[in-house]
Amino acid sequence: MLRAQGVPSVQEHEPLARRAALSIILPARNEAGAVGATVAGIRARYPEAEIIVVNDGSSDATAQVAAQAGARVISKPYGMGNGAAVKTGARAAGGDVLVFMDADGQHDPADIPRLLAKLDAGYDMVVGARDGGSQASVGRGVANGLYNRLASWMTGHVVADLTSGFRAARADKFREFIHLLPNGFSYPTTSTMAFFRSAYPVAYVPITAARRVGKSHIRPLRDGVRFLLIIFKIATLYSPLKLFAPVAASFFLLGLGNYAYTFLRGHRFTNMSALLLSASVIVFLIGLISEQITNLTYKRDG
């Protein structure tokens, strides 16, 4: 049980490397060139850990290479997405602590102890926050910076890296939100915001991510639109009124301004003014309903 001030005592939390069973989950699709070395690096540091590679419909030898390196392999018959692979691994894992990392060589297994050390300090999720030099491109870096600032504003906490897939979490807490996680690449965003929304403490550890081995699965045009939608998802997932209320206020001010203009010019109340003012009320009410739905989504018994 946590103390009143939220800091666990030494007796309450032994170091996770000794106390808890550890499961390390790697979603992989066509990563035969890197997954073997990644699994071997993890196995060298954590010989007793459960290493699960979720083979997401690969057309190469990803499953065979991972199995030869010592991982437990779960294969999907076809590609379902990065998030779907993460959910499969989280459901199958037997550990009290889950570590998620990419199988493409970007994440260094040597950073795992640093994430676990933060969990020892009383956090429920620890995320490896990439430095500026670890971004795949300038565009990706700018986009991630925008997401981080938006998430920080929404949560009231500093979010150092919203989209990092390298993270450690307590298994029971993470599984509470499996039904919310998308099948695509935005599972890190959803899980981070879900932990914040449920008042589970989240911490960040700076890391340097290497260049991936092989070809990226991200497509700039398609995924650019998808990541734009993530911005709206962040807001609606955490606190919908923070998104809907400013929009409603904007419609209201436009309607009021239009009415003032037409009244001064012709002493008329126009249909446009009525439309804008009505839109402000409708948007606000939608935000209010969304807020109630969000509260029910994160409501837990006990």
Protein backbone atom coordinates (compact mmCIF):
# COMPACT_ATOMS: atom_id res chain seq x y z
CA MET A 1 0.00 0.00 0.00
CA LEU A 2 1.27 3.47 -0.81
CA ARG A 3 1.91 5.99 1.92
CA ALA A 4 -0.28 9.08 2.20
CA GLN A 5 2.27 11.26 0.43
CA GLY A 6 2.48 8.79 -2.45
CA VAL A 7 6.07 7.61 -1.80
CA PRO A 8 6.47 3.87 -1.10
CA SER A 9 8.67 2.69 1.74
CA VAL A 10 11.66 0.39 1.24
CA GLN A 11 9.71 -2.52 2.74
CA GLU A 12 6.78 -1.94 0.41
CA HIS A 13 8.83 -2.04 -2.82
CA GLU A 14 11.87 -4.22 -3.18
CA PRO A 15 13.96 -3.58 -6.31
CA LEU A 16 11.97 -4.88 -9.26
CA ALA A 17 14.95 -6.73 -10.75
CA ARG A 18 14.80 -9.06 -7.71
CA ARG A 19 11.15 -8.94 -6.62
CA ALA A 20 9.08 -9.12 -9.76
CA ALA A 21 8.98 -11.43 -12.72
CA LEU A 22 9.96 -9.47 -15.81
CA SER A 23 8.42 -9.81 -19.27
CA ILE A 24 9.99 -7.97 -22.21
CA ILE A 25 7.75 -7.61 -25.26
CA LEU A 26 8.96 -6.82 -28.76
CA PRO A 27 6.44 -6.28 -31.57
CA ALA A 28 8.15 -7.19 -34.83
CA ARG A 29 7.31 -7.18 -38.51
CA ASN A 30 9.99 -8.07 -41.04
CA GLU A 31 12.79 -7.39 -38.54
CA ALA A 32 14.96 -10.45 -39.24
CA GLY A 33 18.02 -8.21 -39.59
CA ALA A 34 17.85 -6.82 -36.05
CA VAL A 35 15.61 -8.92 -33.83
CA GLY A 36 18.25 -11.60 -33.15
CA ALA A 37 20.82 -9.15 -31.82
CA THR A 38 18.17 -7.33 -29.79
CA VAL A 39 16.94 -10.52 -28.13
CA ALA A 40 20.52 -11.66 -27.47
CA GLY A 41 21.34 -8.33 -25.85
CA ILE A 42 18.31 -8.61 -23.57
CA ARG A 43 19.06 -12.23 -22.72
CA ALA A 44 22.65 -11.36 -21.75
CA ARG A 45 21.41 -8.84 -19.16
CA TYR A 46 18.27 -10.63 -18.01
CA PRO A 47 18.75 -14.38 -18.45
CA GLU A 48 15.66 -15.17 -16.35
CA ALA A 49 13.35 -12.68 -18.05
CA GLU A 50 10.50 -13.75 -20.29
CA ILE A 51 11.20 -12.37 -23.77
CA ILE A 52 8.20 -12.34 -26.08
CA VAL A 53 8.52 -11.46 -29.76
CA VAL A 54 5.14 -10.92 -31.39
CA ASN A 55 5.65 -11.68 -35.07
CA ASP A 56 3.10 -9.45 -36.80
CA GLY A 57 2.62 -11.32 -40.07
CA SER A 58 6.23 -11.05 -41.20
CA SER A 59 7.16 -12.27 -44.65
CA ASP A 60 10.81 -12.81 -43.73
CA ALA A 61 12.57 -15.00 -41.14
CA THR A 62 11.74 -12.80 -38.14
CA ALA A 63 10.06 -15.63 -36.21
CA GLN A 64 12.88 -18.12 -36.79
CA VAL A 65 15.65 -15.65 -35.92
CA ALA A 66 13.88 -14.57 -32.73
CA ALA A 67 13.29 -18.15 -31.63
CA GLN A 68 16.92 -19.09 -32.27
CA ALA A 69 18.03 -16.14 -30.13
CA GLY A 70 15.99 -17.44 -27.22
CA ALA A 71 12.68 -15.58 -27.42
CA ARG A 72 9.20 -16.94 -27.08
CA VAL A 73 7.56 -16.19 -30.41
CA ILE A 74 3.86 -15.53 -30.94
CA SER A 75 3.03 -15.31 -34.63
CA LYS A 76 0.07 -13.55 -36.20
CA PRO A 77 -1.27 -14.98 -39.47
CA TYR A 78 -1.24 -11.49 -41.02
CA GLY A 79 -0.18 -7.98 -40.06
CA MET A 80 -2.56 -6.43 -37.54
CA GLY A 81 -0.49 -3.44 -36.48
CA ASN A 82 2.07 -2.45 -33.88
CA GLY A 83 -0.54 -1.81 -31.20
CA ALA A 84 -2.23 -5.14 -31.84
CA ALA A 85 1.11 -6.89 -31.36
CA VAL A 86 1.68 -5.01 -28.11
CA LYS A 87 -1.75 -6.06 -26.83
CA THR A 88 -1.09 -9.68 -27.75
CA GLY A 89 2.22 -9.62 -25.90
CA ALA A 90 0.75 -7.93 -22.83
CA ARG A 91 -2.03 -10.51 -22.59
CA ALA A 92 0.38 -13.42 -22.96
CA ALA A 93 3.07 -12.11 -20.59
CA GLY A 94 3.42 -13.69 -17.17
CA GLY A 95 5.57 -11.01 -15.54
CA ASP A 96 4.57 -8.46 -12.92
CA VAL A 97 6.47 -5.83 -14.90
CA LEU A 98 6.22 -5.34 -18.66
CA VAL A 99 8.93 -3.72 -20.77
CA PHE A 100 8.07 -2.74 -24.33
CA MET A 101 10.75 -2.02 -26.89
CA ASP A 102 11.21 -2.07 -30.65
CA ALA A 103 12.80 -5.05 -32.36
CA ASP A 104 14.53 -2.94 -35.03
CA GLY A 105 17.68 -2.14 -33.05
CA GLN A 106 16.71 1.41 -32.05
CA HIS A 107 16.41 0.67 -28.33
CA ASP A 108 19.40 -0.37 -26.26
CA PRO A 109 18.77 -3.19 -23.74
CA ALA A 110 21.38 -1.49 -21.51
CA ASP A 111 18.75 1.20 -20.80
CA ILE A 112 16.27 -1.27 -19.31
CA PRO A 113 17.78 -1.14 -15.77
CA ARG A 114 17.34 2.63 -15.75
CA LEU A 115 13.63 2.28 -16.49
CA LEU A 116 13.23 -0.37 -13.80
CA ALA A 117 15.07 1.80 -11.29
CA LYS A 118 12.44 4.52 -11.83
CA LEU A 119 9.67 2.00 -11.25
CA ASP A 120 11.38 1.21 -7.93
CA ALA A 121 10.91 4.88 -7.01
CA GLY A 122 7.13 4.41 -7.00
CA TYR A 123 6.12 5.13 -10.60
CA ASP A 124 3.67 2.94 -12.49
CA MET A 125 5.03 3.69 -15.98
CA VAL A 126 8.47 4.84 -17.09
CA VAL A 127 9.11 6.00 -20.65
CA GLY A 128 12.42 6.25 -22.46
CA ALA A 129 12.45 9.84 -23.77
CA ARG A 130 14.49 10.24 -26.96
CA ASP A 131 16.88 13.15 -27.31
CA GLY A 132 16.83 15.51 -30.28
CA GLY A 133 19.45 13.55 -32.19
CA SER A 134 17.36 10.38 -32.01
CA GLN A 135 14.54 11.64 -34.22
CA ALA A 136 14.25 9.88 -37.58
CA SER A 137 13.85 13.19 -39.44
CA VAL A 138 13.37 16.89 -38.86
CA GLY A 139 9.68 16.59 -39.68
CA ARG A 140 9.20 13.76 -37.20
CA GLY A 141 11.06 15.77 -34.57
CA VAL A 142 8.83 18.82 -35.07
CA ALA A 143 5.68 16.68 -34.98
CA ASN A 144 6.77 14.90 -31.80
CA GLY A 145 7.58 18.23 -30.19
CA LEU A 146 4.06 19.44 -31.00
CA TYR A 147 2.51 16.31 -29.51
CA ASN A 148 4.61 16.66 -26.37
CA ARG A 149 3.59 20.29 -25.82
CA LEU A 150 -0.08 19.51 -26.42
CA ALA A 151 -0.03 16.55 -24.04
CA SER A 152 1.79 18.62 -21.40
CA TRP A 153 -0.91 21.28 -21.64
CA MET A 154 -3.70 18.71 -21.44
CA THR A 155 -2.30 16.82 -18.45
CA GLY A 156 -0.61 19.62 -16.52
CA HIS A 157 2.55 17.49 -16.38
CA VAL A 158 5.71 17.65 -18.46
CA VAL A 159 5.48 15.03 -21.21
CA ALA A 160 9.00 14.52 -22.53
CA ASP A 161 8.20 11.97 -25.27
CA LEU A 162 4.59 11.06 -26.01
CA THR A 163 5.26 8.61 -28.86
CA SER A 164 8.23 6.61 -27.56
CA GLY A 165 7.65 2.85 -27.77
CA PHE A 166 10.37 2.09 -25.19
CA ARG A 167 8.65 1.90 -21.82
CA ALA A 168 8.21 -0.14 -18.66
CA ALA A 169 4.95 -0.50 -16.77
CA ARG A 170 3.38 -2.49 -13.98
CA ALA A 171 1.45 -5.27 -15.69
CA ASP A 172 -1.78 -4.96 -13.70
CA LYS A 173 -1.99 -1.22 -14.39
CA PHE A 174 -1.19 -1.57 -18.10
CA ARG A 175 -3.79 -4.27 -18.66
CA GLU A 176 -6.53 -1.99 -17.35
CA PHE A 177 -6.26 -0.02 -20.59
CA ILE A 178 -5.71 -2.75 -23.19
CA HIS A 179 -9.25 -2.25 -24.52
CA LEU A 180 -8.45 1.42 -25.20
CA LEU A 181 -5.27 0.81 -27.17
CA PRO A 182 -5.48 1.11 -30.97
CA ASN A 183 -4.10 -1.55 -33.28
CA GLY A 184 -1.85 0.95 -35.06
CA PHE A 185 1.24 2.89 -34.08
CA SER A 186 -0.32 5.25 -31.55
CA TYR A 187 -0.46 2.84 -28.60
CA PRO A 188 2.26 4.85 -26.74
CA THR A 189 0.11 7.99 -26.91
CA THR A 190 -3.00 6.22 -25.67
CA SER A 191 -1.28 4.36 -22.84
CA THR A 192 0.52 7.48 -21.60
CA MET A 193 -2.64 9.59 -21.54
CA ALA A 194 -4.61 6.75 -19.92
CA PHE A 195 -2.07 6.50 -17.08
CA PHE A 196 -2.17 10.25 -16.50
CA ARG A 197 -5.98 10.29 -16.62
CA SER A 198 -6.17 7.54 -14.00
CA ALA A 199 -3.65 9.27 -11.71
CA TYR A 200 -1.00 6.59 -12.16
CA PRO A 201 2.41 8.31 -11.88
CA VAL A 202 4.50 8.43 -15.06
CA ALA A 203 8.22 9.25 -15.28
CA TYR A 204 10.68 9.83 -18.12
CA VAL A 205 14.26 8.64 -18.50
CA PRO A 206 16.41 10.22 -21.25
CA ILE A 207 17.71 7.77 -23.84
CA THR A 208 19.50 7.87 -27.16
CA ALA A 209 17.82 5.82 -29.88
CA ALA A 210 19.96 4.36 -32.63
CA ARG A 211 19.12 4.31 -36.31
CA ARG A 212 16.78 1.44 -37.05
CA VAL A 213 18.00 -1.59 -38.98
CA GLY A 214 16.07 -2.09 -42.18
CA LYS A 215 13.26 -0.11 -43.73
CA SER A 216 10.80 1.93 -41.69
CA HIS A 217 7.14 0.89 -41.79
CA ILE A 218 5.97 4.51 -41.48
CA ARG A 219 4.65 6.19 -44.64
CA PRO A 220 4.91 10.00 -44.52
CA LEU A 221 1.63 10.89 -46.25
CA ARG A 222 -0.63 8.27 -44.73
CA ASP A 223 0.93 8.44 -41.28
CA GLY A 224 1.11 12.24 -41.39
CA VAL A 225 -2.69 12.32 -41.53
CA ARG A 226 -2.86 9.62 -38.88
CA PHE A 227 -0.59 11.54 -36.52
CA LEU A 228 -2.69 14.67 -37.08
CA LEU A 229 -5.67 12.70 -35.84
CA ILE A 230 -3.64 11.73 -32.79
CA ILE A 231 -3.67 15.39 -31.73
CA PHE A 232 -7.45 15.31 -31.52
CA LYS A 233 -7.38 11.90 -29.92
CA ILE A 234 -5.08 13.19 -27.16
CA ALA A 235 -7.58 15.88 -26.28
CA THR A 236 -10.68 13.70 -26.42
CA LEU A 237 -8.97 10.87 -24.56
CA TYR A 238 -7.82 12.98 -21.64
CA SER A 239 -10.16 15.97 -21.19
CA PRO A 240 -12.61 16.63 -24.02
CA LEU A 241 -13.80 19.97 -22.64
CA LYS A 242 -10.30 21.38 -23.08
CA LEU A 243 -10.81 20.86 -26.81
CA PHE A 244 -14.53 21.58 -27.18
CA ALA A 245 -14.80 24.58 -24.85
CA PRO A 246 -12.37 26.83 -26.81
CA VAL A 247 -14.08 25.84 -30.08
CA ALA A 248 -17.49 26.64 -28.58
CA ALA A 249 -16.17 29.97 -27.29
CA SER A 250 -14.83 30.81 -30.75
CA PHE A 251 -18.22 30.17 -32.37
CA PHE A 252 -19.92 32.24 -29.68
CA LEU A 253 -17.60 35.21 -30.16
CA LEU A 254 -17.98 35.01 -33.94
CA GLY A 255 -21.76 34.93 -33.61
CA LEU A 256 -21.76 37.80 -31.15
CA GLY A 257 -19.43 39.83 -33.35
CA ASN A 258 -21.54 39.16 -36.43
CA TYR A 259 -24.69 40.19 -34.57
CA ALA A 260 -23.06 43.42 -33.37
CA TYR A 261 -21.95 44.22 -36.92
CA THR A 262 -25.35 43.57 -38.53
CA PHE A 263 -27.21 45.37 -35.75
CA LEU A 264 -25.07 48.49 -36.14
CA ARG A 265 -25.36 48.36 -39.94
CA GLY A 266 -29.03 47.47 -40.35
CA HIS A 267 -30.55 46.75 -36.93
CA ARG A 268 -30.94 43.11 -37.91
CA PHE A 269 -30.31 39.73 -36.32
CA THR A 270 -29.21 37.54 -39.23
CA ASN A 271 -29.38 33.82 -39.85
CA MET A 272 -25.58 33.65 -39.75
CA SER A 273 -25.52 35.04 -36.21
CA ALA A 274 -28.14 32.51 -35.16
CA LEU A 275 -26.17 29.69 -36.82
CA LEU A 276 -22.90 30.63 -35.12
CA LEU A 277 -24.48 31.05 -31.68
CA SER A 278 -26.37 27.76 -32.06
CA ALA A 279 -23.13 26.02 -33.12
CA SER A 280 -21.40 27.28 -29.98
CA VAL A 281 -24.09 25.75 -27.77
CA ILE A 282 -24.08 22.44 -29.68
CA VAL A 283 -20.28 22.11 -29.58
CA PHE A 284 -20.22 22.87 -25.86
CA LEU A 285 -22.91 20.28 -25.13
CA ILE A 286 -21.05 17.67 -27.20
CA GLY A 287 -17.93 18.42 -25.15
CA LEU A 288 -19.90 18.07 -21.94
CA ILE A 289 -21.28 14.69 -22.98
CA SER A 290 -17.80 13.57 -24.09
CA GLU A 291 -16.41 14.58 -20.70
CA GLN A 292 -18.98 12.41 -18.95
CA ILE A 293 -18.20 9.47 -21.23
CA THR A 294 -14.49 9.93 -20.52
CA ASN A 295 -15.16 9.91 -16.77
CA LEU A 296 -17.08 6.65 -17.12
CA THR A 297 -14.31 5.14 -19.27
CA TYR A 298 -11.72 5.68 -16.55
CA LYS A 299 -13.97 4.89 -13.61
CA ARG A 300 -12.61 1.99 -11.59
CA ASP A 301 -14.25 0.06 -8.79
CA GLY A 302 -12.69 0.27 -5.35
